[in-house]
Amino acid sequence: MHHRVPDESERAMRVRKVFAVVGTLLALAAVVPSGAGAAEETEKPGAKKPTVVLVHGAFADASSWNGVVERLQRKGFPVVAVANPLRGLTYDANYLRQVLASIDGPIVLAGHSYGGMVQSQAALGNKNVKSLVYVAAFAPEKGESALELSNKFPGSTLGDTLQTIDLGDGTKDLAIQQDEYWQQFAADVPRREATLAAATQRPVNDSALTEGAGEPAWHTIPSYFVNAAKDKNIPIAAQRFMAERAHAKAVVELRGASHSVAVSQPEAVADLIVRAAR
């Protein structure tokens, strides 16, 4: 049987048709997500991400959250790093309560160190707070103070590193001696960064550490814990005890982490906050 051999113009037209079909398929593949990416994009269509509110503790300031803030913002979360007054538990909790009241929509609240005391009080009764994250932090039961919890188990060496500032009204502020700060507070942070943090630390009024807590919000709000295994401020045994008592939904224990874990391991801290936001 005789077969007609296509001429050059016919062959060129066929090649153009093949490329047109391939191009259409590639375009479709580019706009139709697959696998895990598709699941992430369709998990909560149109859902607004909660605002993450971060509360620093004593001997630090809001910039101690910078690494965590950057990671959360890249994931699309609105973030507020509160300037904790550090004047006393009732005073600080009232201040944080007003900050929370100014925020519309759901909130994930994360506190570091003494910030855990403050958030436990401020979040009570706030229906917008969907979860609490404790980052090497105190999670007190009613009546407990930060000092009482840190002394509940052996291991804290904070007391020997403190200097006092007499305020002239019968109260005093406490700060960590600058030459002790790196090893006491931030041993896994580069020394240059720890030296800067030592110079810019905010002192805490001594009454903040001795005032007993009221009814804690973790009784009714789900809690998550990042525990720092090499913490010299709050012994790891105390952190484990508080997480177990609170029936935490998740606990991440970081080996080698100092008390300044949000600075040294911001990725791990941010990851748990994202988990608490789901």
C-alpha atoms as a PDB file:
ATOM      1  CA  MET A   1       0.000   0.000   0.000  1.00  0.00           C
ATOM      2  CA  HIS A   2       1.292   3.394  -0.890  1.00  0.00           C
ATOM      3  CA  HIS A   3       1.682   5.872   2.058  1.00  0.00           C
ATOM      4  CA  ARG A   4       1.900   9.558   1.334  1.00  0.00           C
ATOM      5  CA  VAL A   5       4.913  11.170   2.925  1.00  0.00           C
ATOM      6  CA  PRO A   6       3.906  14.439   4.681  1.00  0.00           C
ATOM      7  CA  ASP A   7       5.630  17.470   3.325  1.00  0.00           C
ATOM      8  CA  GLU A   8       7.656  19.866   5.466  1.00  0.00           C
ATOM      9  CA  SER A   9       4.749  22.233   6.160  1.00  0.00           C
ATOM     10  CA  GLU A  10       2.536  19.402   7.466  1.00  0.00           C
ATOM     11  CA  ARG A  11       5.275  18.094   9.755  1.00  0.00           C
ATOM     12  CA  ALA A  12       5.857  21.572  11.149  1.00  0.00           C
ATOM     13  CA  MET A  13       2.121  21.997  11.857  1.00  0.00           C
ATOM     14  CA  ARG A  14       2.000  18.664  13.750  1.00  0.00           C
ATOM     15  CA  VAL A  15       5.008  19.654  15.851  1.00  0.00           C
ATOM     16  CA  ARG A  16       3.324  22.958  16.713  1.00  0.00           C
ATOM     17  CA  LYS A  17       0.142  21.098  17.808  1.00  0.00           C
ATOM     18  CA  VAL A  18       2.147  18.759  20.047  1.00  0.00           C
ATOM     19  CA  PHE A  19       3.881  21.683  21.748  1.00  0.00           C
ATOM     20  CA  ALA A  20       0.535  23.457  22.203  1.00  0.00           C
ATOM     21  CA  VAL A  21      -0.946  20.407  23.983  1.00  0.00           C
ATOM     22  CA  VAL A  22       2.119  19.998  26.206  1.00  0.00           C
ATOM     23  CA  GLY A  23       2.022  23.693  27.079  1.00  0.00           C
ATOM     24  CA  THR A  24      -1.651  23.472  28.076  1.00  0.00           C
ATOM     25  CA  LEU A  25      -0.964  20.467  30.349  1.00  0.00           C
ATOM     26  CA  LEU A  26       1.961  22.222  32.032  1.00  0.00           C
ATOM     27  CA  ALA A  27      -0.162  25.322  32.639  1.00  0.00           C
ATOM     28  CA  LEU A  28      -2.880  23.210  34.251  1.00  0.00           C
ATOM     29  CA  ALA A  29      -0.316  21.435  36.439  1.00  0.00           C
ATOM     30  CA  ALA A  30       0.987  24.797  37.627  1.00  0.00           C
ATOM     31  CA  VAL A  31      -2.402  25.972  38.934  1.00  0.00           C
ATOM     32  CA  VAL A  32      -3.664  22.691  40.403  1.00  0.00           C
ATOM     33  CA  PRO A  33      -1.815  22.015  43.720  1.00  0.00           C
ATOM     34  CA  SER A  34      -1.124  18.439  44.725  1.00  0.00           C
ATOM     35  CA  GLY A  35      -0.198  16.430  47.788  1.00  0.00           C
ATOM     36  CA  ALA A  36       0.566  18.180  51.068  1.00  0.00           C
ATOM     37  CA  GLY A  37       0.579  21.628  49.480  1.00  0.00           C
ATOM     38  CA  ALA A  38      -3.019  21.221  48.365  1.00  0.00           C
ATOM     39  CA  ALA A  39      -4.045  20.034  51.816  1.00  0.00           C
ATOM     40  CA  GLU A  40      -2.418  23.063  53.456  1.00  0.00           C
ATOM     41  CA  GLU A  41      -4.099  25.522  51.105  1.00  0.00           C
ATOM     42  CA  THR A  42      -7.541  24.000  51.477  1.00  0.00           C
ATOM     43  CA  GLU A  43      -7.356  23.115  55.174  1.00  0.00           C
ATOM     44  CA  LYS A  44      -9.163  26.263  56.304  1.00  0.00           C
ATOM     45  CA  PRO A  45     -10.256  28.237  53.277  1.00  0.00           C
ATOM     46  CA  GLY A  46     -10.665  31.914  54.087  1.00  0.00           C
ATOM     47  CA  ALA A  47      -9.844  31.379  57.778  1.00  0.00           C
ATOM     48  CA  LYS A  48      -8.204  34.318  59.549  1.00  0.00           C
ATOM     49  CA  LYS A  49      -5.023  33.444  61.409  1.00  0.00           C
ATOM     50  CA  PRO A  50      -5.127  34.195  65.134  1.00  0.00           C
ATOM     51  CA  THR A  51      -3.059  37.037  66.529  1.00  0.00           C
ATOM     52  CA  VAL A  52      -0.048  35.773  68.458  1.00  0.00           C
ATOM     53  CA  VAL A  53       0.648  37.787  71.603  1.00  0.00           C
ATOM     54  CA  LEU A  54       4.104  37.302  73.139  1.00  0.00           C
ATOM     55  CA  VAL A  55       4.871  38.201  76.758  1.00  0.00           C
ATOM     56  CA  HIS A  56       8.492  38.447  77.894  1.00  0.00           C
ATOM     57  CA  GLY A  57       9.607  37.760  81.418  1.00  0.00           C
ATOM     58  CA  ALA A  58      12.020  39.307  83.887  1.00  0.00           C
ATOM     59  CA  PHE A  59      15.587  40.298  82.903  1.00  0.00           C
ATOM     60  CA  ALA A  60      14.603  40.632  79.221  1.00  0.00           C
ATOM     61  CA  ASP A  61      12.503  42.834  76.964  1.00  0.00           C
ATOM     62  CA  ALA A  62      10.193  42.417  73.977  1.00  0.00           C
ATOM     63  CA  SER A  63      13.146  42.156  71.568  1.00  0.00           C
ATOM     64  CA  SER A  64      13.935  38.749  73.063  1.00  0.00           C
ATOM     65  CA  TRP A  65      11.108  37.472  70.832  1.00  0.00           C
ATOM     66  CA  ASN A  66      12.564  38.890  67.598  1.00  0.00           C
ATOM     67  CA  GLY A  67      13.565  35.551  66.102  1.00  0.00           C
ATOM     68  CA  VAL A  68      10.152  34.071  66.881  1.00  0.00           C
ATOM     69  CA  VAL A  69       8.333  37.153  65.547  1.00  0.00           C
ATOM     70  CA  GLU A  70      10.175  36.979  62.213  1.00  0.00           C
ATOM     71  CA  ARG A  71       9.240  33.333  61.709  1.00  0.00           C
ATOM     72  CA  LEU A  72       5.591  33.835  62.638  1.00  0.00           C
ATOM     73  CA  GLN A  73       5.243  36.869  60.394  1.00  0.00           C
ATOM     74  CA  ARG A  74       6.676  34.919  57.464  1.00  0.00           C
ATOM     75  CA  LYS A  75       3.881  32.404  58.025  1.00  0.00           C
ATOM     76  CA  GLY A  76       1.281  35.176  57.881  1.00  0.00           C
ATOM     77  CA  PHE A  77       0.479  35.571  61.597  1.00  0.00           C
ATOM     78  CA  PRO A  78      -0.260  38.984  63.101  1.00  0.00           C
ATOM     79  CA  VAL A  79       2.077  39.342  66.099  1.00  0.00           C
ATOM     80  CA  VAL A  80       2.181  41.643  69.133  1.00  0.00           C
ATOM     81  CA  ALA A  81       5.210  41.469  71.447  1.00  0.00           C
ATOM     82  CA  VAL A  82       4.004  43.121  74.636  1.00  0.00           C
ATOM     83  CA  ALA A  83       6.200  45.332  76.829  1.00  0.00           C
ATOM     84  CA  ASN A  84       5.549  43.585  80.148  1.00  0.00           C
ATOM     85  CA  PRO A  85       5.729  46.257  82.911  1.00  0.00           C
ATOM     86  CA  LEU A  86       7.373  43.880  85.466  1.00  0.00           C
ATOM     87  CA  ARG A  87       5.889  45.905  88.349  1.00  0.00           C
ATOM     88  CA  GLY A  88       3.931  43.148  90.093  1.00  0.00           C
ATOM     89  CA  LEU A  89       1.723  40.225  89.112  1.00  0.00           C
ATOM     90  CA  THR A  90      -1.635  41.984  89.565  1.00  0.00           C
ATOM     91  CA  TYR A  91      -0.411  45.164  87.854  1.00  0.00           C
ATOM     92  CA  ASP A  92       1.187  43.299  84.950  1.00  0.00           C
ATOM     93  CA  ALA A  93      -1.811  41.019  84.443  1.00  0.00           C
ATOM     94  CA  ASN A  94      -4.181  43.995  84.359  1.00  0.00           C
ATOM     95  CA  TYR A  95      -1.998  45.657  81.725  1.00  0.00           C
ATOM     96  CA  LEU A  96      -1.899  42.522  79.570  1.00  0.00           C
ATOM     97  CA  ARG A  97      -5.654  42.076  79.999  1.00  0.00           C
ATOM     98  CA  GLN A  98      -6.199  45.491  78.418  1.00  0.00           C
ATOM     99  CA  VAL A  99      -3.888  44.640  75.527  1.00  0.00           C
ATOM    100  CA  LEU A 100      -5.833  41.438  74.872  1.00  0.00           C
ATOM    101  CA  ALA A 101      -9.134  43.317  74.994  1.00  0.00           C
ATOM    102  CA  SER A 102      -7.913  45.614  72.218  1.00  0.00           C
ATOM    103  CA  ILE A 103      -7.410  42.707  69.788  1.00  0.00           C
ATOM    104  CA  ASP A 104     -10.221  41.451  67.579  1.00  0.00           C
ATOM    105  CA  GLY A 105     -10.563  37.754  66.850  1.00  0.00           C
ATOM    106  CA  PRO A 106      -8.786  34.658  68.174  1.00  0.00           C
ATOM    107  CA  ILE A 107      -5.539  34.931  70.114  1.00  0.00           C
ATOM    108  CA  VAL A 108      -2.668  32.568  70.851  1.00  0.00           C
ATOM    109  CA  LEU A 109      -0.883  33.774  73.983  1.00  0.00           C
ATOM    110  CA  ALA A 110       2.745  32.803  74.638  1.00  0.00           C
ATOM    111  CA  GLY A 111       4.719  33.750  77.728  1.00  0.00           C
ATOM    112  CA  HIS A 112       8.379  33.298  78.620  1.00  0.00           C
ATOM    113  CA  SER A 113       9.537  32.810  82.198  1.00  0.00           C
ATOM    114  CA  TYR A 114       7.607  35.197  84.511  1.00  0.00           C
ATOM    115  CA  GLY A 115       5.480  36.025  81.448  1.00  0.00           C
ATOM    116  CA  GLY A 116       3.782  32.682  82.072  1.00  0.00           C
ATOM    117  CA  MET A 117       2.584  33.944  85.462  1.00  0.00           C
ATOM    118  CA  VAL A 118       1.157  37.053  83.824  1.00  0.00           C
ATOM    119  CA  GLN A 119      -0.620  35.311  80.959  1.00  0.00           C
ATOM    120  CA  SER A 120      -2.138  32.750  83.322  1.00  0.00           C
ATOM    121  CA  GLN A 121      -3.949  35.608  85.083  1.00  0.00           C
ATOM    122  CA  ALA A 122      -4.698  37.894  82.148  1.00  0.00           C
ATOM    123  CA  ALA A 123      -6.303  35.262  79.917  1.00  0.00           C
ATOM    124  CA  LEU A 124      -8.813  34.091  82.515  1.00  0.00           C
ATOM    125  CA  GLY A 125     -12.341  34.564  81.166  1.00  0.00           C
ATOM    126  CA  ASN A 126     -11.182  35.856  77.765  1.00  0.00           C
ATOM    127  CA  LYS A 127     -13.065  33.791  75.186  1.00  0.00           C
ATOM    128  CA  ASN A 128     -10.789  34.973  72.372  1.00  0.00           C
ATOM    129  CA  VAL A 129      -7.727  33.258  73.822  1.00  0.00           C
ATOM    130  CA  LYS A 130      -7.718  29.831  72.186  1.00  0.00           C
ATOM    131  CA  SER A 131      -4.430  28.482  73.582  1.00  0.00           C
ATOM    132  CA  LEU A 132      -1.588  29.241  75.989  1.00  0.00           C
ATOM    133  CA  VAL A 133       2.054  28.507  75.222  1.00  0.00           C
ATOM    134  CA  TYR A 134       4.543  28.370  78.091  1.00  0.00           C
ATOM    135  CA  VAL A 135       8.139  28.920  76.970  1.00  0.00           C
ATOM    136  CA  ALA A 136      10.479  27.944  79.824  1.00  0.00           C
ATOM    137  CA  ALA A 137       7.755  29.588  81.860  1.00  0.00           C
ATOM    138  CA  PHE A 138       5.837  29.489  85.109  1.00  0.00           C
ATOM    139  CA  ALA A 139       2.340  27.985  84.997  1.00  0.00           C
ATOM    140  CA  PRO A 140       1.146  28.591  88.559  1.00  0.00           C
ATOM    141  CA  GLU A 141      -1.694  27.079  90.461  1.00  0.00           C
ATOM    142  CA  LYS A 142      -3.821  29.412  92.556  1.00  0.00           C
ATOM    143  CA  GLY A 143      -1.785  30.901  95.394  1.00  0.00           C
ATOM    144  CA  GLU A 144       1.634  29.946  94.022  1.00  0.00           C
ATOM    145  CA  SER A 145       4.350  32.511  93.356  1.00  0.00           C
ATOM    146  CA  ALA A 146       7.190  32.426  90.861  1.00  0.00           C
ATOM    147  CA  LEU A 147       9.721  32.211  93.682  1.00  0.00           C
ATOM    148  CA  GLU A 148       7.862  29.279  95.237  1.00  0.00           C
ATOM    149  CA  LEU A 149       7.758  27.373  91.952  1.00  0.00           C
ATOM    150  CA  SER A 150      11.425  27.951  91.114  1.00  0.00           C
ATOM    151  CA  ASN A 151      12.390  26.644  94.572  1.00  0.00           C
ATOM    152  CA  LYS A 152      10.066  23.644  94.415  1.00  0.00           C
ATOM    153  CA  PHE A 153      12.861  21.571  92.858  1.00  0.00           C
ATOM    154  CA  PRO A 154      16.642  21.960  93.179  1.00  0.00           C
ATOM    155  CA  GLY A 155      18.709  23.455  90.385  1.00  0.00           C
ATOM    156  CA  SER A 156      18.067  27.210  90.195  1.00  0.00           C
ATOM    157  CA  THR A 157      21.192  29.324  90.636  1.00  0.00           C
ATOM    158  CA  LEU A 158      19.483  32.648  89.910  1.00  0.00           C
ATOM    159  CA  GLY A 159      19.553  34.029  93.465  1.00  0.00           C
ATOM    160  CA  ASP A 160      23.338  34.205  93.643  1.00  0.00           C
ATOM    161  CA  THR A 161      23.554  36.240  90.416  1.00  0.00           C
ATOM    162  CA  LEU A 162      21.092  39.007  91.301  1.00  0.00           C
ATOM    163  CA  GLN A 163      21.778  42.625  92.188  1.00  0.00           C
ATOM    164  CA  THR A 164      19.216  44.850  93.900  1.00  0.00           C
ATOM    165  CA  ILE A 165      18.129  48.406  93.192  1.00  0.00           C
ATOM    166  CA  ASP A 166      16.521  50.136  96.174  1.00  0.00           C
ATOM    167  CA  LEU A 167      13.547  52.199  94.965  1.00  0.00           C
ATOM    168  CA  GLY A 168      13.235  54.200  98.191  1.00  0.00           C
ATOM    169  CA  ASP A 169       9.645  53.179  98.853  1.00  0.00           C
ATOM    170  CA  GLY A 170      10.297  49.940 100.679  1.00  0.00           C
ATOM    171  CA  THR A 171      10.490  47.923  97.468  1.00  0.00           C
ATOM    172  CA  LYS A 172      13.381  47.011  95.224  1.00  0.00           C
ATOM    173  CA  ASP A 173      14.070  45.974  91.676  1.00  0.00           C
ATOM    174  CA  LEU A 174      16.140  42.942  90.774  1.00  0.00           C
ATOM    175  CA  ALA A 175      18.519  42.485  87.832  1.00  0.00           C
ATOM    176  CA  ILE A 176      21.106  39.885  86.876  1.00  0.00           C
ATOM    177  CA  GLN A 177      24.695  41.055  87.271  1.00  0.00           C
ATOM    178  CA  GLN A 178      25.998  41.676  83.786  1.00  0.00           C
ATOM    179  CA  ASP A 179      29.089  39.500  84.174  1.00  0.00           C
ATOM    180  CA  GLU A 180      26.863  36.610  85.284  1.00  0.00           C
ATOM    181  CA  TYR A 181      24.164  37.011  82.628  1.00  0.00           C
ATOM    182  CA  TRP A 182      25.582  34.819  79.843  1.00  0.00           C
ATOM    183  CA  GLN A 183      26.120  31.682  81.924  1.00  0.00           C
ATOM    184  CA  GLN A 184      23.037  32.149  84.091  1.00  0.00           C
ATOM    185  CA  PHE A 185      20.426  33.225  81.576  1.00  0.00           C
ATOM    186  CA  ALA A 186      21.621  32.581  78.033  1.00  0.00           C
ATOM    187  CA  ALA A 187      24.453  30.032  77.963  1.00  0.00           C
ATOM    188  CA  ASP A 188      23.482  28.687  74.509  1.00  0.00           C
ATOM    189  CA  VAL A 189      23.278  32.167  72.951  1.00  0.00           C
ATOM    190  CA  PRO A 190      26.411  33.640  71.303  1.00  0.00           C
ATOM    191  CA  ARG A 191      28.322  35.571  73.936  1.00  0.00           C
ATOM    192  CA  ARG A 192      28.157  38.835  71.976  1.00  0.00           C
ATOM    193  CA  GLU A 193      24.331  38.660  71.902  1.00  0.00           C
ATOM    194  CA  ALA A 194      24.154  37.692  75.575  1.00  0.00           C
ATOM    195  CA  THR A 195      26.385  40.628  76.528  1.00  0.00           C
ATOM    196  CA  LEU A 196      24.069  43.003  74.676  1.00  0.00           C
ATOM    197  CA  ALA A 197      21.008  41.439  76.364  1.00  0.00           C
ATOM    198  CA  ALA A 198      22.682  41.825  79.761  1.00  0.00           C
ATOM    199  CA  ALA A 199      23.086  45.550  79.176  1.00  0.00           C
ATOM    200  CA  THR A 200      19.506  46.050  77.954  1.00  0.00           C
ATOM    201  CA  GLN A 201      17.690  43.741  80.396  1.00  0.00           C
ATOM    202  CA  ARG A 202      14.704  45.174  82.211  1.00  0.00           C
ATOM    203  CA  PRO A 203      14.685  44.685  85.983  1.00  0.00           C
ATOM    204  CA  VAL A 204      11.703  43.212  87.776  1.00  0.00           C
ATOM    205  CA  ASN A 205      10.148  44.464  91.008  1.00  0.00           C
ATOM    206  CA  ASP A 206      10.745  41.884  93.710  1.00  0.00           C
ATOM    207  CA  SER A 207       7.019  41.808  94.539  1.00  0.00           C
ATOM    208  CA  ALA A 208       6.313  40.302  91.105  1.00  0.00           C
ATOM    209  CA  LEU A 209       8.204  37.161  92.078  1.00  0.00           C
ATOM    210  CA  THR A 210       6.627  36.750  95.510  1.00  0.00           C
ATOM    211  CA  GLU A 211       2.967  37.591  94.790  1.00  0.00           C
ATOM    212  CA  GLY A 212       0.645  34.586  94.749  1.00  0.00           C
ATOM    213  CA  ALA A 213      -1.344  33.802  91.609  1.00  0.00           C
ATOM    214  CA  GLY A 214      -5.099  33.890  91.245  1.00  0.00           C
ATOM    215  CA  GLU A 215      -7.207  31.306  89.438  1.00  0.00           C
ATOM    216  CA  PRO A 216      -5.147  30.288  86.376  1.00  0.00           C
ATOM    217  CA  ALA A 217      -6.457  30.309  82.822  1.00  0.00           C
ATOM    218  CA  TRP A 218      -4.785  26.980  82.011  1.00  0.00           C
ATOM    219  CA  HIS A 219      -7.582  25.281  83.956  1.00  0.00           C
ATOM    220  CA  THR A 220      -9.901  26.024  81.027  1.00  0.00           C
ATOM    221  CA  ILE A 221      -7.666  26.949  78.055  1.00  0.00           C
ATOM    222  CA  PRO A 222      -5.494  24.339  76.272  1.00  0.00           C
ATOM    223  CA  SER A 223      -1.801  24.681  77.064  1.00  0.00           C
ATOM    224  CA  TYR A 224       1.445  23.878  75.266  1.00  0.00           C
ATOM    225  CA  PHE A 225       4.938  23.834  76.787  1.00  0.00           C
ATOM    226  CA  VAL A 226       8.475  24.403  75.516  1.00  0.00           C
ATOM    227  CA  ASN A 227      10.802  23.171  78.258  1.00  0.00           C
ATOM    228  CA  ALA A 228      14.480  24.102  78.411  1.00  0.00           C
ATOM    229  CA  ALA A 229      16.589  21.197  79.656  1.00  0.00           C
ATOM    230  CA  LYS A 230      19.590  23.291  80.775  1.00  0.00           C
ATOM    231  CA  ASP A 231      17.617  26.137  82.355  1.00  0.00           C
ATOM    232  CA  LYS A 232      19.390  27.637  85.387  1.00  0.00           C
ATOM    233  CA  ASN A 233      16.496  29.953  86.332  1.00  0.00           C
ATOM    234  CA  ILE A 234      13.568  27.502  86.401  1.00  0.00           C
ATOM    235  CA  PRO A 235      14.781  23.923  86.983  1.00  0.00           C
ATOM    236  CA  ILE A 236      13.739  21.466  84.280  1.00  0.00           C
ATOM    237  CA  ALA A 237      12.044  19.326  86.953  1.00  0.00           C
ATOM    238  CA  ALA A 238       9.775  22.281  87.773  1.00  0.00           C
ATOM    239  CA  GLN A 239       8.962  22.827  84.102  1.00  0.00           C
ATOM    240  CA  ARG A 240       8.069  19.154  83.635  1.00  0.00           C
ATOM    241  CA  PHE A 241       5.940  19.233  86.786  1.00  0.00           C
ATOM    242  CA  MET A 242       3.956  22.258  85.615  1.00  0.00           C
ATOM    243  CA  ALA A 243       3.397  20.815  82.133  1.00  0.00           C
ATOM    244  CA  GLU A 244       2.141  17.525  83.541  1.00  0.00           C
ATOM    245  CA  ARG A 245      -0.103  19.246  86.073  1.00  0.00           C
ATOM    246  CA  ALA A 246      -1.653  21.401  83.340  1.00  0.00           C
ATOM    247  CA  HIS A 247      -2.347  18.314  81.187  1.00  0.00           C
ATOM    248  CA  ALA A 248      -0.513  20.028  78.339  1.00  0.00           C
ATOM    249  CA  LYS A 249      -1.670  19.138  74.833  1.00  0.00           C
ATOM    250  CA  ALA A 250       1.956  19.068  73.695  1.00  0.00           C
ATOM    251  CA  VAL A 251       5.357  19.348  75.385  1.00  0.00           C
ATOM    252  CA  VAL A 252       8.603  20.002  73.517  1.00  0.00           C
ATOM    253  CA  GLU A 253      11.743  19.563  75.604  1.00  0.00           C
ATOM    254  CA  LEU A 254      14.868  21.057  74.047  1.00  0.00           C
ATOM    255  CA  ARG A 255      18.158  19.502  75.035  1.00  0.00           C
ATOM    256  CA  GLY A 256      20.910  21.946  75.822  1.00  0.00           C
ATOM    257  CA  ALA A 257      18.513  24.895  75.868  1.00  0.00           C
ATOM    258  CA  SER A 258      19.139  27.683  78.352  1.00  0.00           C
ATOM    259  CA  HIS A 259      16.462  29.830  79.931  1.00  0.00           C
ATOM    260  CA  SER A 260      16.724  32.164  76.925  1.00  0.00           C
ATOM    261  CA  VAL A 261      15.313  29.511  74.604  1.00  0.00           C
ATOM    262  CA  ALA A 262      13.235  31.905  72.475  1.00  0.00           C
ATOM    263  CA  VAL A 263      16.519  33.576  71.470  1.00  0.00           C
ATOM    264  CA  SER A 264      18.619  30.441  71.003  1.00  0.00           C
ATOM    265  CA  GLN A 265      15.993  28.212  69.371  1.00  0.00           C
ATOM    266  CA  PRO A 266      13.335  30.482  67.833  1.00  0.00           C
ATOM    267  CA  GLU A 267      12.379  27.942  65.155  1.00  0.00           C
ATOM    268  CA  ALA A 268      11.315  25.321  67.696  1.00  0.00           C
ATOM    269  CA  VAL A 269       9.400  27.906  69.737  1.00  0.00           C
ATOM    270  CA  ALA A 270       7.638  29.296  66.666  1.00  0.00           C
ATOM    271  CA  ASP A 271       6.745  25.782  65.474  1.00  0.00           C
ATOM    272  CA  LEU A 272       4.924  24.996  68.721  1.00  0.00           C
ATOM    273  CA  ILE A 273       3.096  28.327  68.615  1.00  0.00           C
ATOM    274  CA  VAL A 274       1.935  27.512  65.078  1.00  0.00           C
ATOM    275  CA  ARG A 275       0.739  24.130  66.339  1.00  0.00           C
ATOM    276  CA  ALA A 276      -1.161  25.824  69.157  1.00  0.00           C
ATOM    277  CA  ALA A 277      -2.813  28.094  66.585  1.00  0.00           C
ATOM    278  CA  ARG A 278      -4.433  25.257  64.612  1.00  0.00           C
END
